[in-house]
Amino acid sequence: MELPIRFPDEREKVREEALAFRRLTPQQQSAHLLEIIALGAAMMRDSPHREAMLRLQQAHEDAWQAAQKELFARHGL
């Protein structure tokens, strides 16, 4: 069945965005990534679930630090 409305192909959109990103200079790529990180941080800061996200983030950080300490202890670093 042919629909009268055509939706963009998501794969093509992603491919075009990736190509556009690759055409940027390394400095522009870094700036773009930093903008995305800042947007994510702003979304987290303004989220009604901020406290839960901070607790989860801290739990991940604690687990990472424990893994590093264990690795360093095991290999004498």
PDB file of N, CA and C in Angstrom:
ATOM      1  N   MET A   1       0.834  -1.172   0.000  1.00  0.00           N
ATOM      2  CA  MET A   1       0.000   0.000   0.000  1.00  0.00           C
ATOM      3  C   MET A   1       0.889   1.249   0.000  1.00  0.00           C
ATOM      4  N   GLU A   2       0.645   2.129  -0.882  1.00  0.00           N
ATOM      5  CA  GLU A   2       1.428   3.354  -1.008  1.00  0.00           C
ATOM      6  C   GLU A   2       0.751   4.463  -0.205  1.00  0.00           C
ATOM      7  N   LEU A   3       1.515   5.057   0.730  1.00  0.00           N
ATOM      8  CA  LEU A   3       0.966   6.148   1.532  1.00  0.00           C
ATOM      9  C   LEU A   3       1.096   7.467   0.778  1.00  0.00           C
ATOM     10  N   PRO A   4       0.117   8.354   0.935  1.00  0.00           N
ATOM     11  CA  PRO A   4       0.205   9.645   0.247  1.00  0.00           C
ATOM     12  C   PRO A   4       1.250  10.575   0.858  1.00  0.00           C
ATOM     13  N   ILE A   5       1.698  10.264   2.060  1.00  0.00           N
ATOM     14  CA  ILE A   5       2.697  11.079   2.739  1.00  0.00           C
ATOM     15  C   ILE A   5       4.027  10.333   2.705  1.00  0.00           C
ATOM     16  N   ARG A   6       5.069  11.031   2.316  1.00  0.00           N
ATOM     17  CA  ARG A   6       6.392  10.408   2.291  1.00  0.00           C
ATOM     18  C   ARG A   6       7.212  10.928   3.450  1.00  0.00           C
ATOM     19  N   PHE A   7       7.742  10.020   4.226  1.00  0.00           N
ATOM     20  CA  PHE A   7       8.582  10.369   5.364  1.00  0.00           C
ATOM     21  C   PHE A   7      10.037  10.233   4.954  1.00  0.00           C
ATOM     22  N   PRO A   8      10.899  11.101   5.490  1.00  0.00           N
ATOM     23  CA  PRO A   8      12.325  10.991   5.132  1.00  0.00           C
ATOM     24  C   PRO A   8      12.916   9.692   5.673  1.00  0.00           C
ATOM     25  N   ASP A   9      13.823   9.161   4.925  1.00  0.00           N
ATOM     26  CA  ASP A   9      14.526   7.945   5.329  1.00  0.00           C
ATOM     27  C   ASP A   9      15.529   8.326   6.419  1.00  0.00           C
ATOM     28  N   GLU A  10      15.367   7.763   7.606  1.00  0.00           N
ATOM     29  CA  GLU A  10      16.242   8.095   8.740  1.00  0.00           C
ATOM     30  C   GLU A  10      17.701   7.762   8.442  1.00  0.00           C
ATOM     31  N   ARG A  11      17.922   6.681   7.729  1.00  0.00           N
ATOM     32  CA  ARG A  11      19.302   6.306   7.390  1.00  0.00           C
ATOM     33  C   ARG A  11      19.951   7.370   6.516  1.00  0.00           C
ATOM     34  N   GLU A  12      19.184   7.917   5.584  1.00  0.00           N
ATOM     35  CA  GLU A  12      19.732   8.953   4.708  1.00  0.00           C
ATOM     36  C   GLU A  12      20.013  10.230   5.493  1.00  0.00           C
ATOM     37  N   LYS A  13      19.136  10.570   6.429  1.00  0.00           N
ATOM     38  CA  LYS A  13      19.363  11.757   7.257  1.00  0.00           C
ATOM     39  C   LYS A  13      20.644  11.611   8.069  1.00  0.00           C
ATOM     40  N   VAL A  14      20.848  10.455   8.677  1.00  0.00           N
ATOM     41  CA  VAL A  14      22.042  10.209   9.486  1.00  0.00           C
ATOM     42  C   VAL A  14      23.284  10.251   8.595  1.00  0.00           C
ATOM     43  N   ARG A  15      23.196   9.650   7.415  1.00  0.00           N
ATOM     44  CA  ARG A  15      24.326   9.648   6.484  1.00  0.00           C
ATOM     45  C   ARG A  15      24.701  11.082   6.095  1.00  0.00           C
ATOM     46  N   GLU A  16      23.711  11.907   5.793  1.00  0.00           N
ATOM     47  CA  GLU A  16      23.972  13.300   5.424  1.00  0.00           C
ATOM     48  C   GLU A  16      24.597  14.082   6.578  1.00  0.00           C
ATOM     49  N   GLU A  17      24.089  13.864   7.791  1.00  0.00           N
ATOM     50  CA  GLU A  17      24.652  14.555   8.950  1.00  0.00           C
ATOM     51  C   GLU A  17      26.092  14.120   9.203  1.00  0.00           C
ATOM     52  N   ALA A  18      26.368  12.838   9.022  1.00  0.00           N
ATOM     53  CA  ALA A  18      27.729  12.339   9.217  1.00  0.00           C
ATOM     54  C   ALA A  18      28.683  12.945   8.176  1.00  0.00           C
ATOM     55  N   LEU A  19      28.224  13.011   6.942  1.00  0.00           N
ATOM     56  CA  LEU A  19      29.063  13.610   5.901  1.00  0.00           C
ATOM     57  C   LEU A  19      29.310  15.088   6.179  1.00  0.00           C
ATOM     58  N   ALA A  20      28.286  15.793   6.617  1.00  0.00           N
ATOM     59  CA  ALA A  20      28.446  17.215   6.942  1.00  0.00           C
ATOM     60  C   ALA A  20      29.446  17.385   8.085  1.00  0.00           C
ATOM     61  N   PHE A  21      29.373  16.498   9.081  1.00  0.00           N
ATOM     62  CA  PHE A  21      30.301  16.563  10.214  1.00  0.00           C
ATOM     63  C   PHE A  21      31.734  16.312   9.753  1.00  0.00           C
ATOM     64  N   ARG A  22      31.907  15.351   8.867  1.00  0.00           N
ATOM     65  CA  ARG A  22      33.254  15.023   8.380  1.00  0.00           C
ATOM     66  C   ARG A  22      33.866  16.154   7.565  1.00  0.00           C
ATOM     67  N   ARG A  23      33.020  16.981   6.949  1.00  0.00           N
ATOM     68  CA  ARG A  23      33.534  18.102   6.171  1.00  0.00           C
ATOM     69  C   ARG A  23      34.018  19.253   7.053  1.00  0.00           C
ATOM     70  N   LEU A  24      33.667  19.249   8.330  1.00  0.00           N
ATOM     71  CA  LEU A  24      34.101  20.308   9.239  1.00  0.00           C
ATOM     72  C   LEU A  24      35.589  20.168   9.536  1.00  0.00           C
ATOM     73  N   THR A  25      36.206  21.273   9.896  1.00  0.00           N
ATOM     74  CA  THR A  25      37.605  21.219  10.329  1.00  0.00           C
ATOM     75  C   THR A  25      37.653  20.553  11.705  1.00  0.00           C
ATOM     76  N   PRO A  26      38.813  20.066  12.131  1.00  0.00           N
ATOM     77  CA  PRO A  26      38.903  19.480  13.470  1.00  0.00           C
ATOM     78  C   PRO A  26      38.445  20.455  14.563  1.00  0.00           C
ATOM     79  N   GLN A  27      38.763  21.732  14.404  1.00  0.00           N
ATOM     80  CA  GLN A  27      38.332  22.723  15.403  1.00  0.00           C
ATOM     81  C   GLN A  27      36.810  22.851  15.411  1.00  0.00           C
ATOM     82  N   GLN A  28      36.191  22.843  14.219  1.00  0.00           N
ATOM     83  CA  GLN A  28      34.736  22.934  14.141  1.00  0.00           C
ATOM     84  C   GLN A  28      34.077  21.674  14.703  1.00  0.00           C
ATOM     85  N   GLN A  29      34.693  20.519  14.446  1.00  0.00           N
ATOM     86  CA  GLN A  29      34.165  19.272  14.998  1.00  0.00           C
ATOM     87  C   GLN A  29      34.195  19.314  16.522  1.00  0.00           C
ATOM     88  N   SER A  30      35.315  19.762  17.074  1.00  0.00           N
ATOM     89  CA  SER A  30      35.432  19.860  18.540  1.00  0.00           C
ATOM     90  C   SER A  30      34.400  20.824  19.102  1.00  0.00           C
ATOM     91  N   ALA A  31      34.233  21.972  18.453  1.00  0.00           N
ATOM     92  CA  ALA A  31      33.247  22.955  18.915  1.00  0.00           C
ATOM     93  C   ALA A  31      31.839  22.373  18.860  1.00  0.00           C
ATOM     94  N   HIS A  32      31.553  21.627  17.797  1.00  0.00           N
ATOM     95  CA  HIS A  32      30.232  21.010  17.658  1.00  0.00           C
ATOM     96  C   HIS A  32      29.984  19.999  18.784  1.00  0.00           C
ATOM     97  N   LEU A  33      30.976  19.167  19.061  1.00  0.00           N
ATOM     98  CA  LEU A  33      30.834  18.181  20.129  1.00  0.00           C
ATOM     99  C   LEU A  33      30.668  18.856  21.491  1.00  0.00           C
ATOM    100  N   LEU A  34      31.417  19.928  21.717  1.00  0.00           N
ATOM    101  CA  LEU A  34      31.283  20.651  22.983  1.00  0.00           C
ATOM    102  C   LEU A  34      29.902  21.284  23.123  1.00  0.00           C
ATOM    103  N   GLU A  35      29.323  21.746  22.018  1.00  0.00           N
ATOM    104  CA  GLU A  35      27.968  22.291  22.052  1.00  0.00           C
ATOM    105  C   GLU A  35      26.961  21.211  22.441  1.00  0.00           C
ATOM    106  N   ILE A  36      27.144  20.008  21.903  1.00  0.00           N
ATOM    107  CA  ILE A  36      26.248  18.901  22.225  1.00  0.00           C
ATOM    108  C   ILE A  36      26.371  18.528  23.703  1.00  0.00           C
ATOM    109  N   ILE A  37      27.594  18.488  24.199  1.00  0.00           N
ATOM    110  CA  ILE A  37      27.818  18.179  25.617  1.00  0.00           C
ATOM    111  C   ILE A  37      27.170  19.242  26.497  1.00  0.00           C
ATOM    112  N   ALA A  38      27.333  20.517  26.119  1.00  0.00           N
ATOM    113  CA  ALA A  38      26.727  21.609  26.891  1.00  0.00           C
ATOM    114  C   ALA A  38      25.211  21.520  26.868  1.00  0.00           C
ATOM    115  N   LEU A  39      24.638  21.153  25.727  1.00  0.00           N
ATOM    116  CA  LEU A  39      23.190  20.994  25.639  1.00  0.00           C
ATOM    117  C   LEU A  39      22.716  19.878  26.569  1.00  0.00           C
ATOM    118  N   GLY A  40      23.432  18.765  26.573  1.00  0.00           N
ATOM    119  CA  GLY A  40      23.076  17.661  27.459  1.00  0.00           C
ATOM    120  C   GLY A  40      23.176  18.061  28.923  1.00  0.00           C
ATOM    121  N   ALA A  41      24.216  18.807  29.271  1.00  0.00           N
ATOM    122  CA  ALA A  41      24.373  19.268  30.657  1.00  0.00           C
ATOM    123  C   ALA A  41      23.237  20.212  31.042  1.00  0.00           C
ATOM    124  N   ALA A  42      22.840  21.086  30.123  1.00  0.00           N
ATOM    125  CA  ALA A  42      21.724  22.001  30.401  1.00  0.00           C
ATOM    126  C   ALA A  42      20.421  21.229  30.575  1.00  0.00           C
ATOM    127  N   MET A  43      20.218  20.218  29.757  1.00  0.00           N
ATOM    128  CA  MET A  43      19.008  19.396  29.883  1.00  0.00           C
ATOM    129  C   MET A  43      18.979  18.683  31.224  1.00  0.00           C
ATOM    130  N   MET A  44      20.132  18.164  31.648  1.00  0.00           N
ATOM    131  CA  MET A  44      20.198  17.500  32.948  1.00  0.00           C
ATOM    132  C   MET A  44      19.946  18.489  34.079  1.00  0.00           C
ATOM    133  N   ARG A  45      20.530  19.675  33.968  1.00  0.00           N
ATOM    134  CA  ARG A  45      20.391  20.690  35.007  1.00  0.00           C
ATOM    135  C   ARG A  45      18.928  21.116  35.170  1.00  0.00           C
ATOM    136  N   ASP A  46      18.203  21.190  34.064  1.00  0.00           N
ATOM    137  CA  ASP A  46      16.826  21.672  34.090  1.00  0.00           C
ATOM    138  C   ASP A  46      15.798  20.550  34.234  1.00  0.00           C
ATOM    139  N   SER A  47      16.244  19.320  34.287  1.00  0.00           N
ATOM    140  CA  SER A  47      15.330  18.185  34.336  1.00  0.00           C
ATOM    141  C   SER A  47      14.651  18.051  35.700  1.00  0.00           C
ATOM    142  N   PRO A  48      13.391  17.632  35.692  1.00  0.00           N
ATOM    143  CA  PRO A  48      12.733  17.352  36.967  1.00  0.00           C
ATOM    144  C   PRO A  48      13.314  16.117  37.660  1.00  0.00           C
ATOM    145  N   HIS A  49      14.088  15.336  36.928  1.00  0.00           N
ATOM    146  CA  HIS A  49      14.710  14.121  37.474  1.00  0.00           C
ATOM    147  C   HIS A  49      16.189  14.342  37.774  1.00  0.00           C
ATOM    148  N   ARG A  50      16.566  15.575  37.977  1.00  0.00           N
ATOM    149  CA  ARG A  50      17.969  15.945  38.157  1.00  0.00           C
ATOM    150  C   ARG A  50      18.635  15.171  39.294  1.00  0.00           C
ATOM    151  N   GLU A  51      17.974  15.101  40.436  1.00  0.00           N
ATOM    152  CA  GLU A  51      18.569  14.430  41.598  1.00  0.00           C
ATOM    153  C   GLU A  51      18.832  12.960  41.317  1.00  0.00           C
ATOM    154  N   ALA A  52      17.900  12.284  40.671  1.00  0.00           N
ATOM    155  CA  ALA A  52      18.092  10.866  40.350  1.00  0.00           C
ATOM    156  C   ALA A  52      19.255  10.692  39.376  1.00  0.00           C
ATOM    157  N   MET A  53      19.355  11.590  38.398  1.00  0.00           N
ATOM    158  CA  MET A  53      20.467  11.505  37.443  1.00  0.00           C
ATOM    159  C   MET A  53      21.802  11.756  38.123  1.00  0.00           C
ATOM    160  N   LEU A  54      21.835  12.707  39.047  1.00  0.00           N
ATOM    161  CA  LEU A  54      23.082  12.979  39.771  1.00  0.00           C
ATOM    162  C   LEU A  54      23.494  11.786  40.622  1.00  0.00           C
ATOM    163  N   ARG A  55      22.516  11.144  41.270  1.00  0.00           N
ATOM    164  CA  ARG A  55      22.834   9.944  42.060  1.00  0.00           C
ATOM    165  C   ARG A  55      23.379   8.834  41.171  1.00  0.00           C
ATOM    166  N   LEU A  56      22.761   8.625  40.017  1.00  0.00           N
ATOM    167  CA  LEU A  56      23.225   7.595  39.089  1.00  0.00           C
ATOM    168  C   LEU A  56      24.614   7.935  38.559  1.00  0.00           C
ATOM    169  N   GLN A  57      24.823   9.194  38.237  1.00  0.00           N
ATOM    170  CA  GLN A  57      26.129   9.645  37.759  1.00  0.00           C
ATOM    171  C   GLN A  57      27.197   9.412  38.831  1.00  0.00           C
ATOM    172  N   GLN A  58      26.872   9.709  40.074  1.00  0.00           N
ATOM    173  CA  GLN A  58      27.820   9.507  41.167  1.00  0.00           C
ATOM    174  C   GLN A  58      28.090   8.019  41.388  1.00  0.00           C
ATOM    175  N   ALA A  59      27.061   7.195  41.253  1.00  0.00           N
ATOM    176  CA  ALA A  59      27.252   5.749  41.393  1.00  0.00           C
ATOM    177  C   ALA A  59      28.196   5.230  40.310  1.00  0.00           C
ATOM    178  N   HIS A  60      28.035   5.720  39.089  1.00  0.00           N
ATOM    179  CA  HIS A  60      28.938   5.307  38.002  1.00  0.00           C
ATOM    180  C   HIS A  60      30.363   5.778  38.277  1.00  0.00           C
ATOM    181  N   GLU A  61      30.502   6.991  38.765  1.00  0.00           N
ATOM    182  CA  GLU A  61      31.832   7.520  39.085  1.00  0.00           C
ATOM    183  C   GLU A  61      32.475   6.694  40.200  1.00  0.00           C
ATOM    184  N   ASP A  62      31.711   6.367  41.228  1.00  0.00           N
ATOM    185  CA  ASP A  62      32.239   5.556  42.332  1.00  0.00           C
ATOM    186  C   ASP A  62      32.685   4.181  41.844  1.00  0.00           C
ATOM    187  N   ALA A  63      31.877   3.566  40.969  1.00  0.00           N
ATOM    188  CA  ALA A  63      32.224   2.247  40.433  1.00  0.00           C
ATOM    189  C   ALA A  63      33.501   2.336  39.591  1.00  0.00           C
ATOM    190  N   TRP A  64      33.630   3.401  38.798  1.00  0.00           N
ATOM    191  CA  TRP A  64      34.829   3.588  37.967  1.00  0.00           C
ATOM    192  C   TRP A  64      36.056   3.768  38.839  1.00  0.00           C
ATOM    193  N   GLN A  65      35.945   4.564  39.880  1.00  0.00           N
ATOM    194  CA  GLN A  65      37.092   4.772  40.769  1.00  0.00           C
ATOM    195  C   GLN A  65      37.468   3.492  41.491  1.00  0.00           C
ATOM    196  N   ALA A  66      36.485   2.712  41.915  1.00  0.00           N
ATOM    197  CA  ALA A  66      36.771   1.440  42.583  1.00  0.00           C
ATOM    198  C   ALA A  66      37.485   0.489  41.623  1.00  0.00           C
ATOM    199  N   ALA A  67      37.056   0.447  40.372  1.00  0.00           N
ATOM    200  CA  ALA A  67      37.696  -0.416  39.379  1.00  0.00           C
ATOM    201  C   ALA A  67      39.142   0.016  39.143  1.00  0.00           C
ATOM    202  N   GLN A  68      39.374   1.320  39.077  1.00  0.00           N
ATOM    203  CA  GLN A  68      40.739   1.815  38.892  1.00  0.00           C
ATOM    204  C   GLN A  68      41.620   1.455  40.083  1.00  0.00           C
ATOM    205  N   LYS A  69      41.113   1.651  41.292  1.00  0.00           N
ATOM    206  CA  LYS A  69      41.897   1.320  42.488  1.00  0.00           C
ATOM    207  C   LYS A  69      42.239  -0.158  42.519  1.00  0.00           C
ATOM    208  N   GLU A  70      41.275  -0.998  42.176  1.00  0.00           N
ATOM    209  CA  GLU A  70      41.501  -2.442  42.176  1.00  0.00           C
ATOM    210  C   GLU A  70      42.539  -2.809  41.125  1.00  0.00           C
ATOM    211  N   LEU A  71      42.451  -2.201  39.950  1.00  0.00           N
ATOM    212  CA  LEU A  71      43.407  -2.478  38.883  1.00  0.00           C
ATOM    213  C   LEU A  71      44.809  -2.034  39.280  1.00  0.00           C
ATOM    214  N   PHE A  72      44.907  -0.841  39.834  1.00  0.00           N
ATOM    215  CA  PHE A  72      46.216  -0.340  40.244  1.00  0.00           C
ATOM    216  C   PHE A  72      46.802  -1.187  41.382  1.00  0.00           C
ATOM    217  N   ALA A  73      45.965  -1.640  42.296  1.00  0.00           N
ATOM    218  CA  ALA A  73      46.438  -2.483  43.394  1.00  0.00           C
ATOM    219  C   ALA A  73      46.915  -3.837  42.862  1.00  0.00           C
ATOM    220  N   ARG A  74      46.189  -4.374  41.908  1.00  0.00           N
ATOM    221  CA  ARG A  74      46.530  -5.673  41.366  1.00  0.00           C
ATOM    222  C   ARG A  74      47.863  -5.634  40.608  1.00  0.00           C
ATOM    223  N   HIS A  75      48.155  -4.530  39.960  1.00  0.00           N
ATOM    224  CA  HIS A  75      49.362  -4.435  39.137  1.00  0.00           C
ATOM    225  C   HIS A  75      50.452  -3.592  39.788  1.00  0.00           C
ATOM    226  N   GLY A  76      50.266  -3.233  41.046  1.00  0.00           N
ATOM    227  CA  GLY A  76      51.303  -2.540  41.790  1.00  0.00           C
ATOM    228  C   GLY A  76      51.603  -1.134  41.305  1.00  0.00           C
ATOM    229  N   LEU A  77      50.621  -0.431  40.859  1.00  0.00           N
ATOM    230  CA  LEU A  77      50.834   0.943  40.399  1.00  0.00           C
ATOM    231  C   LEU A  77      50.457   1.941  41.458  1.00  0.00           C
TER     232      LEU A  77
END
